[in-house]
Amino acid sequence: MSNLAYQVQNQQMKLQPERNPKPVQQPSRKLFTKGEVILWGAMGVVLVAGLIWLISLYASVYQATAEVVATQNKITAETKVVEDYHLQVTELSNPERIMKLAKEQGFIFDDKNVKVVQD
């Protein structure tokens, strides 16, 4: 009989519905893994550093160009001044002008005492 009681108890246990089984939760997948976040962050840092380097390079080229233009303007101005001085020298060394100034100051022109000097 004891065996019969054991069988009845087993059958009753089998007939009883299982209590609410807990559903198995699947681990939630994040959008990005830690490795991907690190890689994207590193690429972002490299991109920002490259852009900063490019902007600084452009600024230095712009500054050098501005200095070249300023130097060319100074050279042009000095060249004009030098040309003006050459023109003044040419005008002031005119022999007729020199003869006129000499006569005004009382010098006498004597053809016999003139010696020709060649360059």
N, C-alpha and C. Protein backbone atom coordinates (compact mmCIF):
# COMPACT_ATOMS: atom_id res chain seq x y z
N MET A 1 0.78 -1.17 0.00
CA MET A 1 0.00 0.00 0.00
C MET A 1 0.84 1.26 0.00
N SER A 2 1.85 1.13 0.63
CA SER A 2 2.68 2.30 0.65
C SER A 2 3.13 2.66 -0.74
N ASN A 3 3.27 1.66 -1.55
CA ASN A 3 3.67 1.92 -2.90
C ASN A 3 2.55 2.61 -3.65
N LEU A 4 1.33 2.25 -3.37
CA LEU A 4 0.18 2.84 -4.01
C LEU A 4 0.05 4.31 -3.60
N ALA A 5 0.30 4.59 -2.35
CA ALA A 5 0.21 5.96 -1.88
C ALA A 5 1.29 6.82 -2.55
N TYR A 6 2.39 6.23 -2.77
CA TYR A 6 3.48 6.96 -3.42
C TYR A 6 3.10 7.30 -4.86
N GLN A 7 2.45 6.34 -5.55
CA GLN A 7 2.06 6.57 -6.93
C GLN A 7 0.98 7.64 -7.01
N VAL A 8 0.03 7.64 -6.08
CA VAL A 8 -1.03 8.63 -6.07
C VAL A 8 -0.44 10.01 -5.84
N GLN A 9 0.48 10.05 -4.94
CA GLN A 9 1.12 11.34 -4.66
C GLN A 9 1.86 11.85 -5.89
N ASN A 10 2.52 11.00 -6.62
CA ASN A 10 3.24 11.39 -7.85
C ASN A 10 2.26 11.87 -8.89
N GLN A 11 1.13 11.21 -9.02
CA GLN A 11 0.14 11.60 -10.01
C GLN A 11 -0.45 12.97 -9.65
N GLN A 12 -0.67 13.21 -8.36
CA GLN A 12 -1.24 14.47 -7.94
C GLN A 12 -0.24 15.61 -8.23
N MET A 13 0.97 15.32 -8.05
CA MET A 13 1.97 16.34 -8.31
C MET A 13 2.06 16.64 -9.80
N LYS A 14 1.87 15.61 -10.60
CA LYS A 14 1.93 15.82 -12.04
C LYS A 14 0.70 16.57 -12.52
N LEU A 15 -0.43 16.37 -11.90
CA LEU A 15 -1.66 17.00 -12.32
C LEU A 15 -1.73 18.47 -11.90
N GLN A 16 -1.05 18.80 -10.86
CA GLN A 16 -1.09 20.18 -10.41
C GLN A 16 -0.37 21.06 -11.45
N PRO A 17 -1.04 22.15 -11.83
CA PRO A 17 -0.38 23.02 -12.82
C PRO A 17 0.83 23.69 -12.20
N GLU A 18 1.76 23.96 -13.05
CA GLU A 18 2.98 24.61 -12.56
C GLU A 18 2.64 26.04 -12.19
N ARG A 19 3.28 26.47 -11.17
CA ARG A 19 3.08 27.85 -10.76
C ARG A 19 3.74 28.76 -11.78
N ASN A 20 3.32 29.97 -11.86
CA ASN A 20 3.78 30.92 -12.88
C ASN A 20 5.29 30.81 -13.07
N PRO A 21 5.68 30.20 -14.16
CA PRO A 21 7.12 30.13 -14.38
C PRO A 21 7.62 31.52 -14.78
N LYS A 22 8.77 31.88 -14.28
CA LYS A 22 9.34 33.19 -14.61
C LYS A 22 9.87 33.13 -16.04
N PRO A 23 9.46 34.10 -16.85
CA PRO A 23 10.01 34.09 -18.21
C PRO A 23 11.51 34.39 -18.16
N VAL A 24 12.21 33.76 -19.05
CA VAL A 24 13.66 33.94 -19.11
C VAL A 24 13.93 35.29 -19.77
N GLN A 25 14.60 36.14 -19.05
CA GLN A 25 14.92 37.45 -19.60
C GLN A 25 16.21 37.37 -20.41
N GLN A 26 16.08 37.82 -21.64
CA GLN A 26 17.28 37.85 -22.46
C GLN A 26 18.02 39.15 -22.14
N PRO A 27 19.30 39.06 -22.07
CA PRO A 27 20.05 40.28 -21.75
C PRO A 27 19.78 41.34 -22.82
N SER A 28 19.53 42.57 -22.36
CA SER A 28 19.24 43.64 -23.31
C SER A 28 20.54 44.04 -24.02
N ARG A 29 20.44 44.19 -25.32
CA ARG A 29 21.62 44.55 -26.11
C ARG A 29 21.67 46.07 -26.19
N LYS A 30 22.79 46.64 -25.81
CA LYS A 30 22.97 48.08 -25.92
C LYS A 30 23.20 48.44 -27.38
N LEU A 31 23.03 49.72 -27.69
CA LEU A 31 23.18 50.17 -29.07
C LEU A 31 24.64 50.03 -29.53
N PHE A 32 25.57 50.43 -28.68
CA PHE A 32 27.00 50.32 -29.01
C PHE A 32 27.70 49.61 -27.86
N THR A 33 28.71 48.85 -28.21
CA THR A 33 29.52 48.20 -27.17
C THR A 33 30.57 49.18 -26.68
N LYS A 34 31.24 48.81 -25.60
CA LYS A 34 32.28 49.69 -25.06
C LYS A 34 33.41 49.90 -26.07
N GLY A 35 33.76 48.85 -26.77
CA GLY A 35 34.83 48.96 -27.77
C GLY A 35 34.46 49.91 -28.89
N GLU A 36 33.20 49.83 -29.34
CA GLU A 36 32.76 50.73 -30.40
C GLU A 36 32.76 52.18 -29.92
N VAL A 37 32.32 52.39 -28.69
CA VAL A 37 32.31 53.74 -28.13
C VAL A 37 33.73 54.29 -28.07
N ILE A 38 34.68 53.46 -27.65
CA ILE A 38 36.08 53.91 -27.57
C ILE A 38 36.61 54.22 -28.96
N LEU A 39 36.30 53.36 -29.95
CA LEU A 39 36.77 53.61 -31.31
C LEU A 39 36.16 54.89 -31.88
N TRP A 40 34.86 55.09 -31.70
CA TRP A 40 34.22 56.30 -32.20
C TRP A 40 34.78 57.53 -31.49
N GLY A 41 35.02 57.42 -30.20
CA GLY A 41 35.60 58.54 -29.46
C GLY A 41 37.00 58.88 -29.97
N ALA A 42 37.80 57.85 -30.20
CA ALA A 42 39.16 58.08 -30.71
C ALA A 42 39.12 58.72 -32.09
N MET A 43 38.21 58.25 -32.94
CA MET A 43 38.10 58.86 -34.27
C MET A 43 37.63 60.30 -34.16
N GLY A 44 36.75 60.58 -33.23
CA GLY A 44 36.30 61.96 -33.03
C GLY A 44 37.43 62.86 -32.59
N VAL A 45 38.25 62.37 -31.67
CA VAL A 45 39.39 63.16 -31.19
C VAL A 45 40.38 63.41 -32.32
N VAL A 46 40.65 62.38 -33.12
CA VAL A 46 41.57 62.54 -34.25
C VAL A 46 41.00 63.52 -35.27
N LEU A 47 39.70 63.45 -35.50
CA LEU A 47 39.07 64.36 -36.45
C LEU A 47 39.15 65.81 -35.96
N VAL A 48 38.86 66.04 -34.70
CA VAL A 48 38.93 67.39 -34.15
C VAL A 48 40.37 67.91 -34.18
N ALA A 49 41.32 67.06 -33.81
CA ALA A 49 42.73 67.47 -33.84
C ALA A 49 43.16 67.81 -35.28
N GLY A 50 42.72 67.01 -36.24
CA GLY A 50 43.06 67.28 -37.64
C GLY A 50 42.47 68.59 -38.12
N LEU A 51 41.24 68.86 -37.72
CA LEU A 51 40.61 70.12 -38.12
C LEU A 51 41.32 71.31 -37.50
N ILE A 52 41.71 71.19 -36.24
CA ILE A 52 42.44 72.28 -35.58
C ILE A 52 43.77 72.51 -36.27
N TRP A 53 44.46 71.43 -36.61
CA TRP A 53 45.75 71.55 -37.31
C TRP A 53 45.55 72.20 -38.67
N LEU A 54 44.51 71.82 -39.39
CA LEU A 54 44.25 72.37 -40.71
C LEU A 54 43.93 73.86 -40.63
N ILE A 55 43.14 74.25 -39.64
CA ILE A 55 42.80 75.66 -39.48
C ILE A 55 44.04 76.48 -39.11
N SER A 56 44.88 75.94 -38.23
CA SER A 56 46.10 76.67 -37.86
C SER A 56 47.05 76.78 -39.06
N LEU A 57 47.12 75.74 -39.87
CA LEU A 57 47.95 75.79 -41.07
C LEU A 57 47.43 76.84 -42.04
N TYR A 58 46.13 76.90 -42.23
CA TYR A 58 45.52 77.90 -43.10
C TYR A 58 45.79 79.31 -42.57
N ALA A 59 45.70 79.47 -41.25
CA ALA A 59 45.95 80.79 -40.65
C ALA A 59 47.40 81.22 -40.86
N SER A 60 48.34 80.29 -40.70
CA SER A 60 49.76 80.65 -40.89
C SER A 60 50.05 80.99 -42.36
N VAL A 61 49.42 80.27 -43.29
CA VAL A 61 49.60 80.58 -44.71
C VAL A 61 49.02 81.96 -45.01
N TYR A 62 47.85 82.26 -44.44
CA TYR A 62 47.22 83.57 -44.64
C TYR A 62 48.11 84.68 -44.09
N GLN A 63 48.68 84.44 -42.91
CA GLN A 63 49.55 85.45 -42.30
C GLN A 63 50.81 85.66 -43.14
N ALA A 64 51.39 84.59 -43.63
CA ALA A 64 52.60 84.72 -44.47
C ALA A 64 52.27 85.46 -45.76
N THR A 65 51.13 85.18 -46.35
CA THR A 65 50.72 85.88 -47.57
C THR A 65 50.53 87.37 -47.30
N ALA A 66 49.93 87.70 -46.17
CA ALA A 66 49.73 89.11 -45.82
C ALA A 66 51.07 89.81 -45.64
N GLU A 67 52.04 89.13 -45.02
CA GLU A 67 53.37 89.72 -44.85
C GLU A 67 54.06 89.93 -46.20
N VAL A 68 53.91 88.99 -47.12
CA VAL A 68 54.51 89.11 -48.44
C VAL A 68 53.91 90.30 -49.18
N VAL A 69 52.59 90.46 -49.10
CA VAL A 69 51.93 91.58 -49.77
C VAL A 69 52.40 92.91 -49.17
N ALA A 70 52.51 92.96 -47.83
CA ALA A 70 52.96 94.20 -47.19
C ALA A 70 54.40 94.53 -47.61
N THR A 71 55.25 93.52 -47.68
CA THR A 71 56.64 93.73 -48.10
C THR A 71 56.70 94.20 -49.55
N GLN A 72 55.88 93.62 -50.41
CA GLN A 72 55.85 94.05 -51.81
C GLN A 72 55.38 95.50 -51.93
N ASN A 73 54.42 95.89 -51.12
CA ASN A 73 53.96 97.28 -51.13
C ASN A 73 55.07 98.23 -50.69
N LYS A 74 55.84 97.83 -49.66
CA LYS A 74 56.96 98.66 -49.21
C LYS A 74 58.02 98.77 -50.30
N ILE A 75 58.30 97.67 -50.97
CA ILE A 75 59.31 97.67 -52.03
C ILE A 75 58.85 98.59 -53.17
N THR A 76 57.57 98.53 -53.51
CA THR A 76 57.04 99.38 -54.58
C THR A 76 57.17 100.85 -54.20
N ALA A 77 56.85 101.18 -52.95
CA ALA A 77 56.94 102.58 -52.50
C ALA A 77 58.39 103.05 -52.53
N GLU A 78 59.33 102.23 -52.05
CA GLU A 78 60.74 102.62 -52.04
C GLU A 78 61.27 102.73 -53.47
N THR A 79 60.84 101.87 -54.36
CA THR A 79 61.26 101.95 -55.76
C THR A 79 60.80 103.26 -56.38
N LYS A 80 59.59 103.68 -56.05
CA LYS A 80 59.09 104.95 -56.56
C LYS A 80 59.92 106.12 -56.03
N VAL A 81 60.29 106.06 -54.74
CA VAL A 81 61.12 107.13 -54.15
C VAL A 81 62.48 107.18 -54.84
N VAL A 82 63.08 106.02 -55.09
CA VAL A 82 64.39 105.97 -55.74
C VAL A 82 64.30 106.53 -57.17
N GLU A 83 63.24 106.16 -57.88
CA GLU A 83 63.06 106.69 -59.23
C GLU A 83 62.88 108.21 -59.21
N ASP A 84 62.17 108.72 -58.22
CA ASP A 84 62.01 110.18 -58.10
C ASP A 84 63.36 110.85 -57.85
N TYR A 85 64.20 110.23 -57.01
CA TYR A 85 65.53 110.79 -56.76
C TYR A 85 66.38 110.78 -58.02
N HIS A 86 66.31 109.70 -58.79
CA HIS A 86 67.06 109.65 -60.05
C HIS A 86 66.59 110.74 -61.01
N LEU A 87 65.31 110.99 -61.05
CA LEU A 87 64.77 112.04 -61.90
C LEU A 87 65.25 113.42 -61.43
N GLN A 88 65.28 113.64 -60.12
CA GLN A 88 65.79 114.90 -59.58
C GLN A 88 67.26 115.09 -59.92
N VAL A 89 68.05 114.02 -59.78
CA VAL A 89 69.48 114.11 -60.11
C VAL A 89 69.65 114.46 -61.57
N THR A 90 68.86 113.86 -62.44
CA THR A 90 68.96 114.15 -63.87
C THR A 90 68.61 115.62 -64.14
N GLU A 91 67.54 116.10 -63.49
CA GLU A 91 67.14 117.49 -63.70
C GLU A 91 68.18 118.46 -63.15
N LEU A 92 68.72 118.15 -61.97
CA LEU A 92 69.68 119.07 -61.34
C LEU A 92 71.05 119.03 -62.00
N SER A 93 71.38 117.96 -62.68
CA SER A 93 72.70 117.88 -63.33
C SER A 93 72.66 118.36 -64.78
N ASN A 94 71.62 119.00 -65.18
CA ASN A 94 71.51 119.55 -66.53
C ASN A 94 72.58 120.65 -66.69
N PRO A 95 73.42 120.58 -67.71
CA PRO A 95 74.50 121.58 -67.88
C PRO A 95 73.98 123.00 -68.06
N GLU A 96 72.85 123.19 -68.69
CA GLU A 96 72.32 124.54 -68.88
C GLU A 96 71.93 125.16 -67.54
N ARG A 97 71.37 124.36 -66.67
CA ARG A 97 70.99 124.84 -65.35
C ARG A 97 72.24 125.22 -64.56
N ILE A 98 73.27 124.39 -64.67
CA ILE A 98 74.51 124.67 -63.95
C ILE A 98 75.14 125.96 -64.47
N MET A 99 75.12 126.19 -65.78
CA MET A 99 75.67 127.42 -66.36
C MET A 99 74.89 128.65 -65.88
N LYS A 100 73.59 128.52 -65.79
CA LYS A 100 72.76 129.63 -65.35
C LYS A 100 73.07 129.98 -63.90
N LEU A 101 73.18 128.96 -63.03
CA LEU A 101 73.52 129.20 -61.63
C LEU A 101 74.92 129.80 -61.49
N ALA A 102 75.84 129.37 -62.34
CA ALA A 102 77.21 129.90 -62.28
C ALA A 102 77.24 131.37 -62.67
N LYS A 103 76.51 131.75 -63.68
CA LYS A 103 76.46 133.16 -64.10
C LYS A 103 75.80 134.02 -63.03
N GLU A 104 74.74 133.46 -62.36
CA GLU A 104 74.09 134.23 -61.29
C GLU A 104 75.04 134.50 -60.13
N GLN A 105 75.96 133.58 -59.89
CA GLN A 105 76.89 133.75 -58.78
C GLN A 105 78.17 134.47 -59.20
N GLY A 106 78.28 134.85 -60.46
CA GLY A 106 79.40 135.66 -60.90
C GLY A 106 80.55 134.90 -61.52
N PHE A 107 80.38 133.67 -61.82
CA PHE A 107 81.44 132.92 -62.48
C PHE A 107 81.45 133.25 -63.96
N ILE A 108 82.66 133.22 -64.55
CA ILE A 108 82.80 133.53 -65.97
C ILE A 108 83.19 132.25 -66.69
N PHE A 109 82.52 132.01 -67.82
CA PHE A 109 82.79 130.80 -68.59
C PHE A 109 83.86 131.11 -69.62
N ASP A 110 84.99 130.41 -69.52
CA ASP A 110 86.09 130.62 -70.46
C ASP A 110 86.33 129.31 -71.19
N ASP A 111 86.13 129.30 -72.52
CA ASP A 111 86.27 128.08 -73.31
C ASP A 111 87.71 127.55 -73.32
N LYS A 112 88.67 128.42 -73.10
CA LYS A 112 90.07 128.01 -73.16
C LYS A 112 90.46 127.17 -71.96
N ASN A 113 89.81 127.37 -70.83
CA ASN A 113 90.16 126.62 -69.62
C ASN A 113 89.31 125.36 -69.40
N VAL A 114 88.46 125.03 -70.36
CA VAL A 114 87.59 123.87 -70.21
C VAL A 114 88.33 122.64 -70.65
N LYS A 115 88.32 121.61 -69.80
CA LYS A 115 88.92 120.32 -70.14
C LYS A 115 87.81 119.28 -70.18
N VAL A 116 87.81 118.46 -71.17
CA VAL A 116 86.77 117.43 -71.35
C VAL A 116 87.20 116.19 -70.57
N VAL A 117 86.31 115.76 -69.73
CA VAL A 117 86.57 114.53 -68.94
C VAL A 117 85.58 113.47 -69.42
N GLN A 118 86.11 112.31 -69.74
CA GLN A 118 85.24 111.23 -70.20
C GLN A 118 85.18 110.16 -69.13
N ASP A 119 84.05 109.50 -69.13
CA ASP A 119 83.85 108.41 -68.14
C ASP A 119 84.59 107.17 -68.53
